[in-house]
Amino acid sequence: SAAEAHRMLSNIYGEAAISERTCREWFQRFKNGDFHVEDQHRGGREKVFEDAELEALLNEDSCQSQEELARSLGVTQQAISKRLKDMEMIQKQGNWVPYELKPR
């Protein structure tokens, strides 16, 4: 299963492993007979995503790069960059945090 494959990849590659969501998407593509591993061109309008989706990914792993976040959400790195700026998030010491930290 995709979940089992993700666990195995995580055990081997640790934080460098692909996300579980990406693993599920690949399993579905392979199941449908699509064995192309290159990124597919996505013409047309940019996919819309919610701040909550991005926040959930950051809560899961705040060390992800913009490219990794973009792949997980199926959008461009530029879309992630703009949204992080709109959300007033900045990467400090490898983690995405608010521009202004709030007391705990």
C-alpha atoms as a PDB file:
ATOM      1  CA  SER A   1       0.000   0.000   0.000  1.00  0.00           C
ATOM      2  CA  ALA A   2       1.023   3.627  -0.340  1.00  0.00           C
ATOM      3  CA  ALA A   3       1.089   4.071   3.439  1.00  0.00           C
ATOM      4  CA  GLU A   4       3.361   1.057   3.877  1.00  0.00           C
ATOM      5  CA  ALA A   5       5.665   2.248   1.088  1.00  0.00           C
ATOM      6  CA  HIS A   6       5.833   5.690   2.719  1.00  0.00           C
ATOM      7  CA  ARG A   7       6.754   4.129   6.081  1.00  0.00           C
ATOM      8  CA  MET A   8       9.528   2.141   4.416  1.00  0.00           C
ATOM      9  CA  LEU A   9      10.836   5.214   2.572  1.00  0.00           C
ATOM     10  CA  SER A  10      10.709   7.257   5.792  1.00  0.00           C
ATOM     11  CA  ASN A  11      12.652   4.572   7.671  1.00  0.00           C
ATOM     12  CA  ILE A  12      15.347   4.623   4.987  1.00  0.00           C
ATOM     13  CA  TYR A  13      15.474   8.320   4.008  1.00  0.00           C
ATOM     14  CA  GLY A  14      14.171   9.986   7.165  1.00  0.00           C
ATOM     15  CA  GLU A  15      13.153  13.605   6.599  1.00  0.00           C
ATOM     16  CA  ALA A  16      14.417  13.451   3.004  1.00  0.00           C
ATOM     17  CA  ALA A  17      11.643  10.989   2.073  1.00  0.00           C
ATOM     18  CA  ILE A  18       8.762  12.121  -0.112  1.00  0.00           C
ATOM     19  CA  SER A  19       5.553  13.079   1.664  1.00  0.00           C
ATOM     20  CA  GLU A  20       2.831  10.499   2.242  1.00  0.00           C
ATOM     21  CA  ARG A  21       0.563  12.544  -0.015  1.00  0.00           C
ATOM     22  CA  THR A  22       3.073  12.367  -2.878  1.00  0.00           C
ATOM     23  CA  CYS A  23       3.457   8.628  -2.305  1.00  0.00           C
ATOM     24  CA  ARG A  24      -0.340   8.169  -2.518  1.00  0.00           C
ATOM     25  CA  GLU A  25      -0.473  10.257  -5.714  1.00  0.00           C
ATOM     26  CA  TRP A  26       2.286   8.175  -7.324  1.00  0.00           C
ATOM     27  CA  PHE A  27       0.579   4.927  -6.327  1.00  0.00           C
ATOM     28  CA  GLN A  28      -2.628   6.158  -7.959  1.00  0.00           C
ATOM     29  CA  ARG A  29      -0.797   7.198 -11.138  1.00  0.00           C
ATOM     30  CA  PHE A  30       0.988   3.834 -11.363  1.00  0.00           C
ATOM     31  CA  LYS A  31      -2.289   1.995 -10.706  1.00  0.00           C
ATOM     32  CA  ASN A  32      -3.817   3.910 -13.637  1.00  0.00           C
ATOM     33  CA  GLY A  33      -0.956   2.834 -15.901  1.00  0.00           C
ATOM     34  CA  ASP A  34       0.913   6.163 -15.852  1.00  0.00           C
ATOM     35  CA  PHE A  35       4.558   5.206 -15.345  1.00  0.00           C
ATOM     36  CA  HIS A  36       6.047   8.569 -16.381  1.00  0.00           C
ATOM     37  CA  VAL A  37       8.109   9.902 -13.507  1.00  0.00           C
ATOM     38  CA  GLU A  38       8.790  13.341 -14.969  1.00  0.00           C
ATOM     39  CA  ASP A  39       6.702  16.278 -13.825  1.00  0.00           C
ATOM     40  CA  GLN A  40       3.805  16.749 -16.201  1.00  0.00           C
ATOM     41  CA  HIS A  41       3.131  20.135 -17.776  1.00  0.00           C
ATOM     42  CA  ARG A  42       0.077  21.679 -16.213  1.00  0.00           C
ATOM     43  CA  GLY A  43      -1.427  24.169 -18.595  1.00  0.00           C
ATOM     44  CA  GLY A  44      -4.256  26.485 -17.819  1.00  0.00           C
ATOM     45  CA  ARG A  45      -5.193  28.150 -14.617  1.00  0.00           C
ATOM     46  CA  GLU A  46      -3.100  27.728 -11.470  1.00  0.00           C
ATOM     47  CA  LYS A  47      -4.516  25.277  -8.931  1.00  0.00           C
ATOM     48  CA  VAL A  48      -6.170  27.004  -6.003  1.00  0.00           C
ATOM     49  CA  PHE A  49      -5.175  25.933  -2.505  1.00  0.00           C
ATOM     50  CA  GLU A  50      -6.213  27.098   0.941  1.00  0.00           C
ATOM     51  CA  ASP A  51      -3.959  28.581   3.617  1.00  0.00           C
ATOM     52  CA  ALA A  52      -5.112  25.720   5.868  1.00  0.00           C
ATOM     53  CA  GLU A  53      -3.615  23.154   3.454  1.00  0.00           C
ATOM     54  CA  LEU A  54      -0.265  24.927   3.522  1.00  0.00           C
ATOM     55  CA  GLU A  55      -0.431  25.384   7.308  1.00  0.00           C
ATOM     56  CA  ALA A  56      -1.142  21.657   7.740  1.00  0.00           C
ATOM     57  CA  LEU A  57       1.957  20.775   5.701  1.00  0.00           C
ATOM     58  CA  LEU A  58       4.057  23.217   7.731  1.00  0.00           C
ATOM     59  CA  ASN A  59       2.705  21.794  10.997  1.00  0.00           C
ATOM     60  CA  GLU A  60       3.579  18.300   9.746  1.00  0.00           C
ATOM     61  CA  ASP A  61       7.135  19.330   8.829  1.00  0.00           C
ATOM     62  CA  SER A  62       8.216  22.971   9.121  1.00  0.00           C
ATOM     63  CA  CYS A  63      11.579  22.216   7.460  1.00  0.00           C
ATOM     64  CA  GLN A  64      10.144  21.578   3.985  1.00  0.00           C
ATOM     65  CA  SER A  65      11.470  23.696   1.150  1.00  0.00           C
ATOM     66  CA  GLN A  66       9.175  25.797  -1.016  1.00  0.00           C
ATOM     67  CA  GLU A  67       9.733  23.274  -3.811  1.00  0.00           C
ATOM     68  CA  GLU A  68       8.646  20.369  -1.579  1.00  0.00           C
ATOM     69  CA  LEU A  69       5.560  22.276  -0.429  1.00  0.00           C
ATOM     70  CA  ALA A  70       4.721  23.116  -4.043  1.00  0.00           C
ATOM     71  CA  ARG A  71       4.995  19.463  -5.106  1.00  0.00           C
ATOM     72  CA  SER A  72       2.792  18.331  -2.211  1.00  0.00           C
ATOM     73  CA  LEU A  73       0.078  20.840  -3.139  1.00  0.00           C
ATOM     74  CA  GLY A  74       0.481  20.509  -6.911  1.00  0.00           C
ATOM     75  CA  VAL A  75       1.268  24.194  -7.421  1.00  0.00           C
ATOM     76  CA  THR A  76       4.301  26.247  -8.442  1.00  0.00           C
ATOM     77  CA  GLN A  77       7.088  27.296  -6.110  1.00  0.00           C
ATOM     78  CA  GLN A  78       6.177  30.901  -6.923  1.00  0.00           C
ATOM     79  CA  ALA A  79       2.621  30.318  -5.656  1.00  0.00           C
ATOM     80  CA  ILE A  80       4.024  28.932  -2.392  1.00  0.00           C
ATOM     81  CA  SER A  81       6.446  31.857  -2.066  1.00  0.00           C
ATOM     82  CA  LYS A  82       3.651  34.398  -2.534  1.00  0.00           C
ATOM     83  CA  ARG A  83       1.337  32.630  -0.091  1.00  0.00           C
ATOM     84  CA  LEU A  84       4.048  32.324   2.583  1.00  0.00           C
ATOM     85  CA  LYS A  85       4.714  36.049   2.207  1.00  0.00           C
ATOM     86  CA  ASP A  86       0.976  36.785   2.476  1.00  0.00           C
ATOM     87  CA  MET A  87       0.863  34.587   5.607  1.00  0.00           C
ATOM     88  CA  GLU A  88       3.861  36.550   6.968  1.00  0.00           C
ATOM     89  CA  MET A  89       6.003  33.409   7.258  1.00  0.00           C
ATOM     90  CA  ILE A  90       9.794  33.362   6.928  1.00  0.00           C
ATOM     91  CA  GLN A  91      12.333  30.546   7.062  1.00  0.00           C
ATOM     92  CA  LYS A  92      14.667  30.791  10.055  1.00  0.00           C
ATOM     93  CA  GLN A  93      17.261  28.117  10.800  1.00  0.00           C
ATOM     94  CA  GLY A  94      15.525  25.827   8.315  1.00  0.00           C
ATOM     95  CA  ASN A  95      12.028  26.187   9.812  1.00  0.00           C
ATOM     96  CA  TRP A  96       9.065  28.246   8.608  1.00  0.00           C
ATOM     97  CA  VAL A  97       7.996  30.646  11.380  1.00  0.00           C
ATOM     98  CA  PRO A  98       5.897  33.845  11.590  1.00  0.00           C
ATOM     99  CA  TYR A  99       7.788  37.089  10.877  1.00  0.00           C
ATOM    100  CA  GLU A 100       7.062  38.142  14.420  1.00  0.00           C
ATOM    101  CA  LEU A 101       7.212  35.371  16.976  1.00  0.00           C
ATOM    102  CA  LYS A 102       4.432  35.356  19.548  1.00  0.00           C
ATOM    103  CA  PRO A 103       5.020  34.466  23.207  1.00  0.00           C
ATOM    104  CA  ARG A 104       4.080  30.900  24.128  1.00  0.00           C
END
